[in-house]
Amino acid sequence: MPWGKFMNRSMLKSTEMAKILADGLSDKKGSDITIYDVRTHSNITDFHVLATGLNPPHLKALFNETRLRMKAHDLACYRKSGMPDSGWIVADYIDVVLHLFNPAARQYYALDVLWKDMPRLAIGHQTTDDRLESEH
């Protein structure tokens, strides 16, 4: 598969990509939005963005909003897995991976527990991790 379609043609930094996703999630009323910085522990991606939706239509709306925001920056999703009815949608943007959960799936898969020691990227009014802010 040619990678050109999925390359970051807009030349956004991965931090900017993660924040674009988080802004879209916030605007569509996603809850518990968290951006984990895994650059020091993963050679697969830089950030994991997690959010919770209330039900399948809400998960679909969250995914569609983030897809459109990334498309506006000429960024395509490399791979998507899961459906709103499954309770977990994963969208891979290479440098950033988006995880959308219903509340039960988020608790069951416990990615927040897995990455609890990872630094978090600040989102709007949420608590700022000074280590990340000073790096960028």
N, C-alpha and C. Protein backbone atom coordinates (compact mmCIF):
# COMPACT_ATOMS: atom_id res chain seq x y z
N MET A 1 0.84 -1.18 0.00
CA MET A 1 0.00 0.00 0.00
C MET A 1 0.89 1.24 0.00
N PRO A 2 0.63 2.18 -0.92
CA PRO A 2 1.45 3.40 -0.94
C PRO A 2 1.20 4.25 0.30
N TRP A 3 2.29 4.70 0.90
CA TRP A 3 2.19 5.49 2.14
C TRP A 3 1.84 6.94 1.88
N GLY A 4 2.04 7.43 0.66
CA GLY A 4 1.85 8.84 0.36
C GLY A 4 0.51 9.38 0.80
N LYS A 5 -0.55 8.60 0.65
CA LYS A 5 -1.89 9.04 1.03
C LYS A 5 -1.99 9.31 2.52
N PHE A 6 -1.19 8.62 3.32
CA PHE A 6 -1.31 8.71 4.77
C PHE A 6 -0.23 9.58 5.40
N MET A 7 0.69 10.06 4.61
CA MET A 7 1.75 10.89 5.17
C MET A 7 1.18 12.23 5.62
N ASN A 8 1.83 12.82 6.56
CA ASN A 8 1.41 14.09 7.14
C ASN A 8 1.78 15.20 6.15
N ARG A 9 0.95 15.40 5.13
CA ARG A 9 1.24 16.37 4.08
C ARG A 9 1.15 17.80 4.59
N SER A 10 0.40 18.02 5.64
CA SER A 10 0.29 19.38 6.16
C SER A 10 1.46 19.73 7.07
N MET A 11 2.31 18.75 7.34
CA MET A 11 3.50 18.93 8.16
C MET A 11 3.19 19.37 9.59
N LEU A 12 2.05 18.95 10.09
CA LEU A 12 1.72 19.22 11.48
C LEU A 12 2.58 18.36 12.39
N LYS A 13 2.94 18.90 13.53
CA LYS A 13 3.61 18.10 14.55
C LYS A 13 2.59 17.15 15.15
N SER A 14 3.07 16.05 15.68
CA SER A 14 2.15 15.09 16.28
C SER A 14 1.40 15.70 17.47
N THR A 15 2.02 16.64 18.17
CA THR A 15 1.32 17.32 19.27
C THR A 15 0.13 18.10 18.73
N GLU A 16 0.31 18.75 17.58
CA GLU A 16 -0.78 19.52 16.98
C GLU A 16 -1.90 18.59 16.51
N MET A 17 -1.52 17.45 15.95
CA MET A 17 -2.52 16.49 15.51
C MET A 17 -3.36 16.01 16.70
N ALA A 18 -2.70 15.69 17.79
CA ALA A 18 -3.41 15.22 18.98
C ALA A 18 -4.37 16.28 19.50
N LYS A 19 -3.93 17.53 19.49
CA LYS A 19 -4.79 18.61 19.99
C LYS A 19 -5.97 18.87 19.05
N ILE A 20 -5.78 18.71 17.75
CA ILE A 20 -6.89 18.85 16.79
C ILE A 20 -7.94 17.79 17.09
N LEU A 21 -7.50 16.56 17.31
CA LEU A 21 -8.43 15.49 17.65
C LEU A 21 -9.16 15.80 18.95
N ALA A 22 -8.42 16.23 19.97
CA ALA A 22 -9.03 16.53 21.27
C ALA A 22 -10.03 17.68 21.17
N ASP A 23 -9.72 18.70 20.37
CA ASP A 23 -10.65 19.82 20.19
C ASP A 23 -11.96 19.34 19.54
N GLY A 24 -11.84 18.47 18.54
CA GLY A 24 -13.04 17.93 17.90
C GLY A 24 -13.87 17.11 18.86
N LEU A 25 -13.20 16.31 19.67
CA LEU A 25 -13.90 15.50 20.67
C LEU A 25 -14.61 16.38 21.69
N SER A 26 -13.95 17.42 22.12
CA SER A 26 -14.54 18.35 23.09
C SER A 26 -15.76 19.05 22.50
N ASP A 27 -15.64 19.49 21.24
CA ASP A 27 -16.75 20.19 20.60
C ASP A 27 -17.97 19.30 20.43
N LYS A 28 -17.77 18.01 20.32
CA LYS A 28 -18.89 17.06 20.19
C LYS A 28 -19.26 16.42 21.53
N LYS A 29 -18.78 17.02 22.60
CA LYS A 29 -19.14 16.61 23.97
C LYS A 29 -18.62 15.23 24.36
N GLY A 30 -17.46 14.85 23.82
CA GLY A 30 -16.79 13.65 24.32
C GLY A 30 -16.36 13.91 25.75
N SER A 31 -16.30 12.88 26.57
CA SER A 31 -15.91 13.07 27.96
C SER A 31 -14.60 12.36 28.26
N ASP A 32 -14.00 12.75 29.37
CA ASP A 32 -12.75 12.14 29.85
C ASP A 32 -11.70 12.06 28.75
N ILE A 33 -11.51 13.17 28.04
CA ILE A 33 -10.55 13.23 26.94
C ILE A 33 -9.14 13.29 27.53
N THR A 34 -8.31 12.37 27.11
CA THR A 34 -6.94 12.28 27.63
C THR A 34 -5.98 12.02 26.48
N ILE A 35 -4.86 12.74 26.48
CA ILE A 35 -3.80 12.52 25.49
C ILE A 35 -2.58 12.01 26.22
N TYR A 36 -2.20 10.77 25.93
CA TYR A 36 -1.01 10.17 26.54
C TYR A 36 0.17 10.30 25.59
N ASP A 37 1.27 10.81 26.10
CA ASP A 37 2.52 10.94 25.35
C ASP A 37 3.32 9.66 25.57
N VAL A 38 3.42 8.84 24.54
CA VAL A 38 4.12 7.55 24.65
C VAL A 38 5.41 7.54 23.84
N ARG A 39 5.90 8.71 23.45
CA ARG A 39 7.09 8.79 22.59
C ARG A 39 8.30 8.11 23.22
N THR A 40 8.44 8.17 24.51
CA THR A 40 9.62 7.56 25.15
C THR A 40 9.47 6.06 25.36
N HIS A 41 8.27 5.52 25.13
CA HIS A 41 8.02 4.10 25.37
C HIS A 41 7.52 3.34 24.17
N SER A 42 7.34 4.00 23.04
CA SER A 42 6.79 3.34 21.86
C SER A 42 7.49 3.83 20.61
N ASN A 43 7.77 2.92 19.71
CA ASN A 43 8.31 3.33 18.42
C ASN A 43 7.24 3.22 17.34
N ILE A 44 6.00 3.00 17.76
CA ILE A 44 4.89 2.84 16.83
C ILE A 44 4.13 4.15 16.62
N THR A 45 3.93 4.90 17.70
CA THR A 45 3.18 6.15 17.62
C THR A 45 3.70 7.10 18.69
N ASP A 46 3.31 8.37 18.57
CA ASP A 46 3.72 9.38 19.55
C ASP A 46 2.69 9.57 20.66
N PHE A 47 1.42 9.58 20.27
CA PHE A 47 0.36 9.89 21.23
C PHE A 47 -0.82 8.93 21.06
N HIS A 48 -1.49 8.66 22.16
CA HIS A 48 -2.78 7.98 22.17
C HIS A 48 -3.78 8.97 22.73
N VAL A 49 -4.84 9.21 21.98
CA VAL A 49 -5.92 10.10 22.41
C VAL A 49 -7.12 9.24 22.75
N LEU A 50 -7.61 9.35 23.99
CA LEU A 50 -8.75 8.57 24.45
C LEU A 50 -9.90 9.49 24.78
N ALA A 51 -11.12 9.02 24.47
CA ALA A 51 -12.32 9.76 24.84
C ALA A 51 -13.48 8.77 25.01
N THR A 52 -14.46 9.20 25.78
CA THR A 52 -15.63 8.38 26.04
C THR A 52 -16.86 9.03 25.43
N GLY A 53 -17.67 8.20 24.77
CA GLY A 53 -18.95 8.62 24.22
C GLY A 53 -20.07 7.90 24.96
N LEU A 54 -21.24 8.48 24.95
CA LEU A 54 -22.35 7.95 25.74
C LEU A 54 -22.98 6.69 25.17
N ASN A 55 -23.05 6.60 23.83
CA ASN A 55 -23.78 5.52 23.18
C ASN A 55 -23.29 5.41 21.73
N PRO A 56 -23.76 4.42 20.96
CA PRO A 56 -23.28 4.27 19.58
C PRO A 56 -23.45 5.52 18.69
N PRO A 57 -24.59 6.21 18.71
CA PRO A 57 -24.67 7.42 17.88
C PRO A 57 -23.65 8.49 18.30
N HIS A 58 -23.39 8.60 19.59
CA HIS A 58 -22.41 9.58 20.07
C HIS A 58 -21.00 9.18 19.63
N LEU A 59 -20.67 7.90 19.71
CA LEU A 59 -19.36 7.44 19.23
C LEU A 59 -19.20 7.72 17.74
N LYS A 60 -20.25 7.48 16.98
CA LYS A 60 -20.20 7.76 15.53
C LYS A 60 -19.97 9.25 15.27
N ALA A 61 -20.67 10.10 16.02
CA ALA A 61 -20.51 11.55 15.86
C ALA A 61 -19.09 11.98 16.24
N LEU A 62 -18.55 11.42 17.30
CA LEU A 62 -17.18 11.74 17.71
C LEU A 62 -16.18 11.35 16.61
N PHE A 63 -16.34 10.14 16.08
CA PHE A 63 -15.43 9.70 15.02
C PHE A 63 -15.56 10.57 13.78
N ASN A 64 -16.78 10.85 13.36
CA ASN A 64 -16.98 11.67 12.15
C ASN A 64 -16.40 13.06 12.31
N GLU A 65 -16.56 13.65 13.48
CA GLU A 65 -16.01 14.99 13.71
C GLU A 65 -14.49 14.98 13.63
N THR A 66 -13.86 14.00 14.26
CA THR A 66 -12.39 13.96 14.22
C THR A 66 -11.90 13.66 12.81
N ARG A 67 -12.59 12.80 12.09
CA ARG A 67 -12.20 12.47 10.71
C ARG A 67 -12.25 13.72 9.84
N LEU A 68 -13.31 14.50 9.98
CA LEU A 68 -13.44 15.72 9.19
C LEU A 68 -12.38 16.76 9.54
N ARG A 69 -12.07 16.86 10.82
CA ARG A 69 -11.03 17.83 11.23
C ARG A 69 -9.66 17.43 10.68
N MET A 70 -9.36 16.15 10.71
CA MET A 70 -8.08 15.71 10.16
C MET A 70 -8.06 15.88 8.64
N LYS A 71 -9.17 15.59 8.00
CA LYS A 71 -9.27 15.76 6.54
C LYS A 71 -9.05 17.21 6.15
N ALA A 72 -9.52 18.15 6.97
CA ALA A 72 -9.32 19.57 6.70
C ALA A 72 -7.84 19.94 6.70
N HIS A 73 -7.02 19.11 7.35
CA HIS A 73 -5.57 19.32 7.37
C HIS A 73 -4.86 18.35 6.42
N ASP A 74 -5.64 17.78 5.51
CA ASP A 74 -5.12 16.86 4.50
C ASP A 74 -4.51 15.61 5.11
N LEU A 75 -5.11 15.14 6.22
CA LEU A 75 -4.64 13.93 6.89
C LEU A 75 -5.72 12.86 6.83
N ALA A 76 -5.35 11.71 6.32
CA ALA A 76 -6.29 10.59 6.22
C ALA A 76 -5.99 9.57 7.30
N CYS A 77 -7.01 8.87 7.71
CA CYS A 77 -6.86 7.78 8.67
C CYS A 77 -6.23 6.60 7.94
N TYR A 78 -5.13 6.09 8.47
CA TYR A 78 -4.44 4.96 7.87
C TYR A 78 -5.25 3.69 8.02
N ARG A 79 -5.78 3.47 9.20
CA ARG A 79 -6.57 2.27 9.47
C ARG A 79 -7.56 2.56 10.58
N LYS A 80 -8.76 2.00 10.44
CA LYS A 80 -9.81 2.15 11.44
C LYS A 80 -10.32 0.76 11.79
N SER A 81 -10.60 0.57 13.06
CA SER A 81 -11.14 -0.71 13.51
C SER A 81 -12.25 -0.44 14.51
N GLY A 82 -13.27 -1.30 14.50
CA GLY A 82 -14.37 -1.16 15.43
C GLY A 82 -15.50 -0.34 14.86
N MET A 83 -16.66 -0.56 15.43
CA MET A 83 -17.88 0.14 15.02
C MET A 83 -18.52 0.74 16.27
N PRO A 84 -19.36 1.76 16.08
CA PRO A 84 -20.02 2.35 17.26
C PRO A 84 -20.73 1.33 18.14
N ASP A 85 -21.37 0.34 17.52
CA ASP A 85 -22.09 -0.67 18.31
C ASP A 85 -21.18 -1.57 19.13
N SER A 86 -19.90 -1.66 18.74
CA SER A 86 -18.96 -2.50 19.49
C SER A 86 -18.49 -1.85 20.78
N GLY A 87 -18.62 -0.52 20.88
CA GLY A 87 -18.20 0.21 22.07
C GLY A 87 -16.77 0.71 22.03
N TRP A 88 -16.02 0.38 20.96
CA TRP A 88 -14.63 0.84 20.85
C TRP A 88 -14.29 1.05 19.40
N ILE A 89 -13.89 2.26 19.05
CA ILE A 89 -13.42 2.59 17.70
C ILE A 89 -11.97 3.04 17.83
N VAL A 90 -11.10 2.49 17.00
CA VAL A 90 -9.69 2.88 16.98
C VAL A 90 -9.40 3.44 15.59
N ALA A 91 -8.81 4.64 15.54
CA ALA A 91 -8.42 5.26 14.28
C ALA A 91 -6.93 5.57 14.35
N ASP A 92 -6.19 5.03 13.40
CA ASP A 92 -4.73 5.17 13.38
C ASP A 92 -4.33 6.26 12.39
N TYR A 93 -3.75 7.33 12.92
CA TYR A 93 -3.22 8.41 12.10
C TYR A 93 -1.69 8.39 12.09
N ILE A 94 -1.11 7.23 12.27
CA ILE A 94 0.32 6.94 12.30
C ILE A 94 0.99 7.57 13.52
N ASP A 95 1.09 8.90 13.57
CA ASP A 95 1.75 9.58 14.69
C ASP A 95 0.85 9.67 15.92
N VAL A 96 -0.46 9.54 15.71
CA VAL A 96 -1.44 9.64 16.78
C VAL A 96 -2.49 8.54 16.56
N VAL A 97 -2.82 7.84 17.63
CA VAL A 97 -3.88 6.82 17.57
C VAL A 97 -5.03 7.29 18.45
N LEU A 98 -6.23 7.28 17.86
CA LEU A 98 -7.44 7.73 18.54
C LEU A 98 -8.24 6.52 19.01
N HIS A 99 -8.64 6.54 20.27
CA HIS A 99 -9.47 5.48 20.86
C HIS A 99 -10.76 6.12 21.37
N LEU A 100 -11.89 5.67 20.84
CA LEU A 100 -13.20 6.14 21.29
C LEU A 100 -13.93 4.97 21.93
N PHE A 101 -14.36 5.16 23.16
CA PHE A 101 -14.99 4.09 23.94
C PHE A 101 -16.38 4.48 24.42
N ASN A 102 -17.22 3.48 24.66
CA ASN A 102 -18.37 3.72 25.52
C ASN A 102 -17.85 3.51 26.95
N PRO A 103 -18.57 3.93 27.97
CA PRO A 103 -18.04 3.83 29.35
C PRO A 103 -17.63 2.41 29.76
N ALA A 104 -18.41 1.41 29.40
CA ALA A 104 -18.10 0.04 29.82
C ALA A 104 -16.82 -0.47 29.15
N ALA A 105 -16.65 -0.17 27.86
CA ALA A 105 -15.45 -0.62 27.15
C ALA A 105 -14.21 0.10 27.68
N ARG A 106 -14.34 1.36 28.00
CA ARG A 106 -13.18 2.09 28.53
C ARG A 106 -12.73 1.49 29.85
N GLN A 107 -13.66 1.14 30.68
CA GLN A 107 -13.31 0.52 31.96
C GLN A 107 -12.74 -0.88 31.73
N TYR A 108 -13.34 -1.65 30.84
CA TYR A 108 -12.91 -3.03 30.60
C TYR A 108 -11.48 -3.10 30.04
N TYR A 109 -11.19 -2.29 29.02
CA TYR A 109 -9.87 -2.35 28.38
C TYR A 109 -8.80 -1.61 29.18
N ALA A 110 -9.18 -0.70 30.01
CA ALA A 110 -8.31 -0.05 31.00
C ALA A 110 -7.01 0.50 30.43
N LEU A 111 -7.08 1.16 29.28
CA LEU A 111 -5.86 1.77 28.73
C LEU A 111 -5.34 2.88 29.63
N ASP A 112 -6.24 3.53 30.36
CA ASP A 112 -5.81 4.57 31.30
C ASP A 112 -4.92 3.98 32.39
N VAL A 113 -5.19 2.76 32.79
CA VAL A 113 -4.36 2.09 33.79
C VAL A 113 -3.02 1.70 33.16
N LEU A 114 -3.07 1.19 31.93
CA LEU A 114 -1.84 0.80 31.22
C LEU A 114 -0.88 1.98 31.09
N TRP A 115 -1.41 3.15 30.76
CA TRP A 115 -0.57 4.33 30.51
C TRP A 115 -0.59 5.33 31.66
N LYS A 116 -0.94 4.91 32.85
CA LYS A 116 -1.08 5.85 33.97
C LYS A 116 0.19 6.61 34.29
N ASP A 117 1.36 6.05 33.99
CA ASP A 117 2.62 6.72 34.29
C ASP A 117 3.16 7.56 33.13
N MET A 118 2.46 7.56 32.02
CA MET A 118 2.90 8.34 30.86
C MET A 118 2.53 9.81 31.05
N PRO A 119 3.36 10.70 30.54
CA PRO A 119 3.00 12.12 30.59
C PRO A 119 1.74 12.37 29.77
N ARG A 120 1.01 13.39 30.13
CA ARG A 120 -0.21 13.76 29.42
C ARG A 120 -0.05 15.13 28.79
N LEU A 121 -0.57 15.25 27.61
CA LEU A 121 -0.55 16.53 26.91
C LEU A 121 -1.73 17.36 27.39
N ALA A 122 -1.49 18.62 27.67
CA ALA A 122 -2.54 19.51 28.17
C ALA A 122 -3.62 19.71 27.12
N ILE A 123 -4.86 19.74 27.60
CA ILE A 123 -6.02 19.96 26.72
C ILE A 123 -6.81 21.11 27.29
N GLY A 124 -6.86 22.21 26.58
CA GLY A 124 -7.67 23.36 26.99
C GLY A 124 -7.52 23.71 28.45
N HIS A 125 -8.59 23.54 29.22
CA HIS A 125 -8.64 23.93 30.63
C HIS A 125 -8.10 22.85 31.56
N GLN A 126 -7.76 21.68 31.01
CA GLN A 126 -7.31 20.60 31.88
C GLN A 126 -5.91 20.88 32.42
N THR A 127 -5.51 20.11 33.41
CA THR A 127 -4.22 20.29 34.07
C THR A 127 -3.08 20.17 33.07
N THR A 128 -2.12 21.05 33.17
CA THR A 128 -0.98 21.05 32.27
C THR A 128 0.16 20.23 32.86
N ASP A 129 0.74 19.39 32.04
CA ASP A 129 1.94 18.66 32.43
C ASP A 129 3.11 19.52 31.96
N ASP A 130 3.79 20.17 32.90
CA ASP A 130 4.83 21.13 32.56
C ASP A 130 5.94 20.52 31.73
N ARG A 131 6.23 19.25 31.90
CA ARG A 131 7.29 18.62 31.12
C ARG A 131 6.97 18.67 29.64
N LEU A 132 5.74 18.45 29.25
CA LEU A 132 5.37 18.47 27.84
C LEU A 132 5.33 19.88 27.30
N GLU A 133 4.78 20.80 28.06
CA GLU A 133 4.67 22.17 27.59
C GLU A 133 6.05 22.78 27.34
N SER A 134 7.02 22.44 28.15
CA SER A 134 8.34 23.02 27.98
C SER A 134 9.08 22.39 26.80
N GLU A 135 8.70 21.19 26.38
CA GLU A 135 9.39 20.53 25.27
C GLU A 135 8.95 21.08 23.91
N HIS A 136 7.79 21.70 23.85
CA HIS A 136 7.27 22.10 22.54
C HIS A 136 7.07 23.57 22.47
